[in-house]
Protein backbone atom coordinates (compact mmCIF):
# COMPACT_ATOMS: atom_id res chain seq x y z
CA MET A 1 42.05 -13.01 -7.33
CA ALA A 2 43.68 -12.62 -10.76
CA ARG A 3 40.31 -12.00 -12.36
CA MET A 4 39.55 -9.39 -9.73
CA ALA A 5 42.84 -7.62 -10.45
CA VAL A 6 42.01 -7.53 -14.17
CA LEU A 7 38.57 -6.12 -13.41
CA ILE A 8 40.05 -3.35 -11.28
CA LEU A 9 42.58 -2.55 -14.04
CA LEU A 10 39.78 -2.30 -16.61
CA LEU A 11 37.86 0.02 -14.35
CA ALA A 12 40.86 2.30 -14.23
CA LEU A 13 40.64 2.61 -18.03
CA GLN A 14 36.87 2.73 -18.56
CA LEU A 15 33.87 3.25 -16.31
CA PRO A 16 31.46 0.34 -16.04
CA THR A 17 27.88 0.85 -17.10
CA SER A 18 25.59 2.23 -14.42
CA GLU A 19 23.89 -1.19 -14.17
CA ARG A 20 27.24 -2.94 -13.75
CA CYS A 21 28.47 -0.39 -11.22
CA ALA A 22 25.30 -0.85 -9.17
CA ALA A 23 25.70 -4.63 -9.29
CA MET A 24 29.29 -4.26 -8.03
CA LEU A 25 28.15 -2.04 -5.18
CA LEU A 26 25.73 -4.80 -4.17
CA SER A 27 28.47 -7.44 -4.39
CA PRO A 28 29.44 -9.32 -1.22
CA HIS A 29 33.08 -8.99 -2.34
CA ALA A 30 34.91 -6.00 -0.88
CA GLU A 31 37.18 -5.75 -3.95
CA GLN A 32 34.24 -5.21 -6.29
CA ARG A 33 32.67 -2.68 -3.95
CA LYS A 34 35.95 -0.73 -3.75
CA ALA A 35 36.31 -0.79 -7.54
CA ALA A 36 32.78 0.56 -7.95
CA GLU A 37 33.43 3.27 -5.36
CA ARG A 38 36.52 4.33 -7.29
CA ALA A 39 34.48 4.46 -10.49
CA LEU A 40 31.96 6.74 -8.80
CA ALA A 41 34.67 8.91 -7.31
CA GLU A 42 36.55 9.25 -10.60
CA SER A 43 33.51 9.94 -12.77
CA ASP A 44 33.10 13.52 -13.99
CA SER A 45 29.43 12.92 -14.75
CA SER A 46 26.79 13.58 -12.12
CA THR A 47 24.32 11.98 -14.52
CA TYR A 48 26.30 8.74 -14.30
CA ARG A 49 26.16 8.76 -10.51
CA LEU A 50 22.43 9.47 -10.55
CA LYS A 51 21.89 6.57 -12.95
CA VAL A 52 23.77 4.29 -10.58
CA LEU A 53 21.65 5.58 -7.73
CA GLY A 54 18.48 4.89 -9.70
CA VAL A 55 19.52 1.31 -10.37
CA LEU A 56 20.37 0.79 -6.70
CA VAL A 57 17.03 2.14 -5.52
CA GLN A 58 15.24 -0.23 -7.89
CA ARG A 59 17.28 -3.35 -7.13
CA ALA A 60 18.36 -3.20 -3.51
CA HIS A 61 16.24 -4.85 -0.85
CA SER A 62 18.21 -5.00 2.40
CA ARG A 63 20.00 -1.73 1.76
CA SER A 64 21.09 -0.84 5.29
CA ALA A 65 23.62 -3.70 5.53
CA TRP A 66 25.53 -2.94 2.37
CA ILE A 67 25.39 0.84 2.91
CA ALA A 68 27.11 0.24 6.24
CA ALA A 69 29.69 -1.93 4.44
CA LEU A 70 30.27 0.80 1.85
CA GLU A 71 30.86 3.35 4.56
CA ARG A 72 33.39 1.08 6.23
CA GLU A 73 35.24 0.56 2.96
CA LEU A 74 35.01 4.17 1.76
CA PRO A 75 38.46 5.86 1.66
CA ASP A 76 39.06 8.52 4.29
CA ALA A 77 40.05 11.10 1.65
CA VAL A 78 38.03 14.31 1.81
CA GLY A 79 38.47 15.62 -1.73
CA PRO A 80 35.44 16.96 -3.65
CA ARG A 81 34.90 13.67 -5.54
CA HIS A 82 34.86 11.66 -2.34
CA ARG A 83 32.47 14.15 -0.80
CA GLU A 84 30.16 13.54 -3.75
CA VAL A 85 30.34 9.81 -3.12
CA ARG A 86 29.52 10.43 0.53
CA ASP A 87 26.59 12.58 -0.58
CA LEU A 88 25.48 9.68 -2.76
CA LEU A 89 25.65 7.36 0.23
CA ALA A 90 23.60 9.84 2.25
CA ILE A 91 20.91 9.69 -0.42
CA LEU A 92 21.08 5.91 -0.39
CA LYS A 93 20.68 5.95 3.39
CA ASP A 94 17.43 7.78 2.88
CA ALA A 95 16.56 5.08 0.36
CA THR A 96 16.60 2.52 3.17
CA GLN A 97 13.39 4.19 4.26
CA ASP A 98 12.05 4.36 0.72
CA ASN A 99 8.37 5.09 0.55
CA ILE A 100 6.24 2.53 -1.18
CA GLY A 101 3.36 4.51 -2.63
CA VAL A 102 0.07 2.64 -2.72
CA ASP A 103 -3.29 3.73 -4.12
CA LEU A 104 -6.22 1.88 -2.54
CA VAL A 105 -9.87 1.98 -3.55
CA VAL A 106 -12.70 -0.07 -2.07
CA VAL A 107 -15.89 0.01 -4.12
CA GLN A 108 -19.34 -1.39 -3.65
CA ALA A 109 -20.14 -2.97 -7.01
CA PRO A 110 -20.63 -6.42 -8.54
CA ALA A 111 -17.24 -8.12 -8.72
CA ALA A 112 -17.89 -9.29 -12.29
CA THR A 113 -18.18 -5.66 -13.37
CA VAL A 114 -14.53 -4.98 -12.58
CA LEU A 115 -12.91 -8.40 -12.85
CA GLY A 116 -14.57 -9.40 -16.08
CA PRO A 117 -16.26 -12.54 -17.39
CA GLY A 118 -16.03 -15.60 -15.22
CA SER A 119 -15.46 -13.41 -12.14
CA PRO A 120 -11.86 -14.40 -11.30
CA THR A 121 -10.80 -13.75 -7.74
CA VAL A 122 -7.90 -11.46 -8.73
CA ALA A 123 -7.09 -9.52 -11.90
CA PHE A 124 -3.83 -7.76 -12.82
CA GLY A 125 -2.84 -5.06 -15.27
CA ASP A 126 -0.82 -1.94 -15.97
CA ALA A 127 -1.58 1.78 -15.69
CA ARG A 128 -3.97 1.61 -18.64
CA GLN A 129 -5.92 -1.15 -16.90
CA TRP A 130 -6.46 1.15 -13.90
CA ASP A 131 -8.11 3.71 -16.20
CA ALA A 132 -10.15 0.97 -17.85
CA TRP A 133 -11.46 -0.18 -14.45
CA ALA A 134 -12.30 3.42 -13.57
CA GLN A 135 -14.34 3.81 -16.76
CA ARG A 136 -16.08 0.49 -16.20
CA LEU A 137 -17.05 1.49 -12.66
CA SER A 138 -18.32 4.90 -13.79
CA ALA A 139 -20.68 3.13 -16.19
CA THR A 140 -21.91 0.67 -13.55
CA LYS A 141 -25.31 1.57 -12.17
CA GLY A 142 -25.33 1.65 -8.37
CA ALA A 143 -21.53 1.48 -7.97
CA LYS A 144 -20.46 3.41 -4.89
CA LEU A 145 -17.25 4.30 -3.17
CA LEU A 146 -16.55 2.89 0.29
CA LEU A 147 -12.94 4.02 0.70
CA LYS A 148 -10.38 5.83 -1.42
CA THR A 149 -6.89 6.78 -0.27
CA SER A 150 -3.29 7.22 -1.40
CA LEU A 151 -0.60 6.55 1.16
CA ALA A 152 3.14 6.04 1.40
CA GLY A 153 4.28 3.12 3.53
CA LYS A 154 7.62 1.61 4.49
CA ASP A 155 8.96 -1.77 3.48
CA THR A 156 7.48 -4.55 5.72
CA LEU A 157 5.67 -2.08 8.04
CA PRO A 158 1.85 -2.36 8.27
CA VAL A 159 -0.35 0.65 7.55
CA ASP A 160 -3.93 1.00 8.80
CA VAL A 161 -6.64 2.94 6.99
CA GLU A 162 -10.15 3.26 8.33
CA LYS A 163 -13.37 5.10 7.73
CA LYS A 164 -15.76 4.62 10.62
CA LYS A 165 -19.07 5.84 11.90
CA GLN A 166 -21.02 5.71 15.15
CA ILE A 167 -24.64 4.57 14.78
CA SER A 168 -26.99 5.31 17.65
CA TYR A 169 -29.96 3.16 18.59
CA ILE A 170 -32.47 2.78 21.40
CA ARG A 171 -31.24 -0.16 23.42
CA ASP A 172 -33.63 -0.10 26.38
CA PHE A 173 -36.37 1.76 28.21
CA GLU A 174 -36.42 2.46 31.93
CA PHE A 175 -39.47 3.38 34.05
CA ASP A 176 -39.26 4.41 37.72
CA GLY A 177 -43.01 4.32 38.38
CA GLN A 178 -43.60 7.97 37.49
CA LYS A 179 -41.71 8.66 34.30
CA GLY A 180 -39.74 6.73 31.78
CA ARG A 181 -36.64 7.36 29.70
CA THR A 182 -34.99 5.72 26.74
CA VAL A 183 -31.49 4.25 27.04
CA SER A 184 -29.38 4.85 23.95
CA ASP A 185 -26.24 3.09 22.84
CA GLN A 186 -23.86 3.24 19.89
CA LEU A 187 -22.29 0.80 17.49
CA GLU A 188 -19.04 1.51 15.65
CA VAL A 189 -19.09 0.36 12.05
CA GLY A 190 -17.23 1.16 8.87
CA VAL A 191 -14.32 0.10 6.69
CA PHE A 192 -10.95 -0.95 8.08
CA LEU A 193 -8.04 -1.78 5.79
CA ARG A 194 -4.60 -2.94 6.88
CA TRP A 195 -1.90 -3.40 4.28
CA ARG A 196 1.74 -4.37 4.58
CA PRO A 197 4.06 -3.80 1.63
CA GLN A 198 7.17 -5.88 1.07
CA LEU A 199 9.68 -5.14 -1.65
CA ALA A 200 10.95 -8.29 -3.37
CA ARG A 201 14.65 -9.06 -3.50
CA ASP A 202 14.75 -8.27 -7.21
CA GLY A 203 13.63 -4.73 -6.38
CA ARG A 204 11.03 -4.92 -9.14
CA HIS A 205 7.99 -6.43 -7.41
CA ILE A 206 5.96 -5.58 -4.35
CA THR A 207 3.88 -7.96 -2.29
CA LEU A 208 0.91 -6.41 -0.52
CA ASP A 209 -0.68 -8.32 2.34
CA CYS A 210 -4.16 -6.86 2.76
CA GLU A 211 -6.80 -7.34 5.41
CA LEU A 212 -10.17 -5.73 4.77
CA ARG A 213 -12.93 -5.56 7.38
CA VAL A 214 -16.28 -4.10 6.45
CA SER A 215 -18.95 -3.82 9.14
CA ASP A 216 -22.43 -2.36 8.84
CA VAL A 217 -25.90 -2.32 10.38
CA VAL A 218 -29.05 -3.23 8.49
CA GLN A 219 -31.37 -0.25 8.17
CA PRO A 220 -34.11 0.27 9.11
CA MET A 221 -33.42 -1.51 12.39
CA ARG A 222 -35.76 -4.13 13.70
CA VAL A 223 -38.08 -2.79 16.41
CA VAL A 224 -39.51 -4.93 19.23
CA GLU A 225 -41.86 -4.16 22.07
CA LYS A 226 -40.54 -4.57 25.60
CA PRO A 227 -42.89 -4.77 28.62
CA VAL A 228 -42.08 -2.06 31.15
CA GLY A 229 -44.53 -2.37 34.05
CA LYS A 230 -47.98 -1.96 32.57
CA LEU A 231 -46.54 -0.26 29.52
CA LYS A 232 -44.88 -1.50 26.36
CA ALA A 233 -41.82 0.30 25.11
CA ARG A 234 -40.38 0.09 21.62
CA VAL A 235 -36.64 -0.65 21.44
CA GLN A 236 -34.32 -1.29 18.52
CA VAL A 237 -32.38 -4.48 17.85
CA PRO A 238 -29.43 -3.78 15.56
CA ASP A 239 -28.39 -6.42 13.05
CA ARG A 240 -24.63 -5.85 12.80
CA ARG A 241 -22.72 -7.69 10.12
CA GLU A 242 -18.98 -7.91 9.49
CA SER A 243 -17.02 -9.44 6.67
CA VAL A 244 -13.26 -10.08 6.77
CA GLN A 245 -11.06 -10.78 3.77
CA ARG A 246 -7.32 -11.43 3.82
CA THR A 247 -5.42 -11.43 0.55
CA SER A 248 -1.79 -11.37 -0.54
CA VAL A 249 -1.07 -9.86 -3.95
CA THR A 250 2.30 -9.59 -5.71
CA LEU A 251 2.60 -7.13 -8.55
CA PRO A 252 5.40 -5.40 -10.47
CA LEU A 253 6.31 -1.83 -9.60
CA GLY A 254 3.74 0.39 -11.24
CA GLY A 255 1.38 -2.55 -11.71
CA VAL A 256 -2.25 -2.68 -10.64
CA ALA A 257 -4.47 -5.37 -9.18
CA ALA A 258 -8.12 -5.82 -8.27
CA PHE A 259 -9.61 -8.53 -6.08
CA ALA A 260 -13.12 -9.40 -5.00
CA VAL A 261 -14.33 -9.26 -1.42
CA GLY A 262 -17.55 -11.19 -1.64
CA PRO A 263 -19.95 -10.76 -4.56
CA ASP A 264 -20.47 -7.01 -4.21
CA ARG A 265 -17.18 -5.45 -3.09
CA VAL A 266 -13.93 -4.96 -4.97
CA VAL A 267 -10.54 -3.62 -3.88
CA LEU A 268 -8.37 -1.85 -6.45
CA LEU A 269 -4.72 -1.18 -5.68
CA ARG A 270 -1.47 -0.19 -7.33
CA ALA A 271 2.02 0.25 -5.96
CA ARG A 272 5.25 1.98 -6.87
CA ILE A 273 8.49 3.16 -5.29
CA GLY A 274 8.08 6.76 -4.15
CA SER A 275 4.90 8.78 -3.87
CA PRO A 276 1.57 7.23 -4.86
CA ARG A 277 0.11 8.33 -8.19
CA GLY A 278 -3.30 9.23 -6.78
CA THR A 279 -6.86 8.03 -7.27
CA ALA A 280 -8.36 10.96 -9.19
CA ALA A 281 -9.49 8.65 -12.02
CA ILE A 282 -11.96 6.86 -9.70
CA ARG A 283 -15.03 9.08 -9.55
CA LEU A 284 -18.03 7.50 -7.83
CA PRO A 285 -20.72 8.63 -5.40
CA GLU A 286 -19.81 7.74 -1.84
CA ALA A 287 -21.68 4.96 -0.09
CA GLU A 288 -23.15 5.63 3.33
CA VAL A 289 -20.55 3.99 5.53
CA GLY A 290 -21.83 1.40 7.97
CA VAL A 291 -25.34 1.13 6.56
CA ARG A 292 -26.84 -1.80 4.68
CA SER A 293 -30.37 -1.67 3.35
CA ALA A 294 -32.78 -4.37 4.49
CA LYS A 295 -33.81 -6.71 1.71
């Protein structure tokens, strides 16, 4: 208690650094939180308060609990300084629903092209590495784009992204004795990606749980003859294939990662707090979704 009293006395004489003030706001001790609130209320610098806010947004994980505690402890005074602190808390409330911006790219290319020699399963890097991967893909013959998107998600909530296509085929042939007709059907194929972001407790890393499903139909389809009375009708037998890959990747805010999905598909991703940066650097011809050439 004596140490706490000294700390409060020092705060009355000099403001703590923005990092220290943010740490005090996150403290489980009500005395430290009150001292930090006083520092914010007594500061003449809006820049100082914004710096504190920036540190909080980066570090806090379970923000809603301590924001509620701050509101309970906040003095009832309604002066302009206290209103500013309340405004700060309002911003922090919004921060409990902070967007986690994620750029996702699924490419059809040899994994070794992106991941490098030895074909590791996962590779990491910074913003410059993202550009390096983009250049490497642009120079790769036959590399095609399966899916490219930039989305903002919420902490721990899953987000689904899909690009699908309906492929028609002749499933059967019917003959009533006088005339016949073909019976068509459809298969749904494409790319489905589910990702769930989770901000680490240190506020500086994001874990992305990813599930990628890629389904396609071999083209041209196999054709078989089916006896229909005295006739023989030609029907199609689709060869539908689906691959599923589940991966969990942890990377620092602003970091990038790439992981292989089989020998010929790679997922590139990067994450940050706020809006995603975009995928303009990845320029590739688009692959025909849901179609795989017969070999």
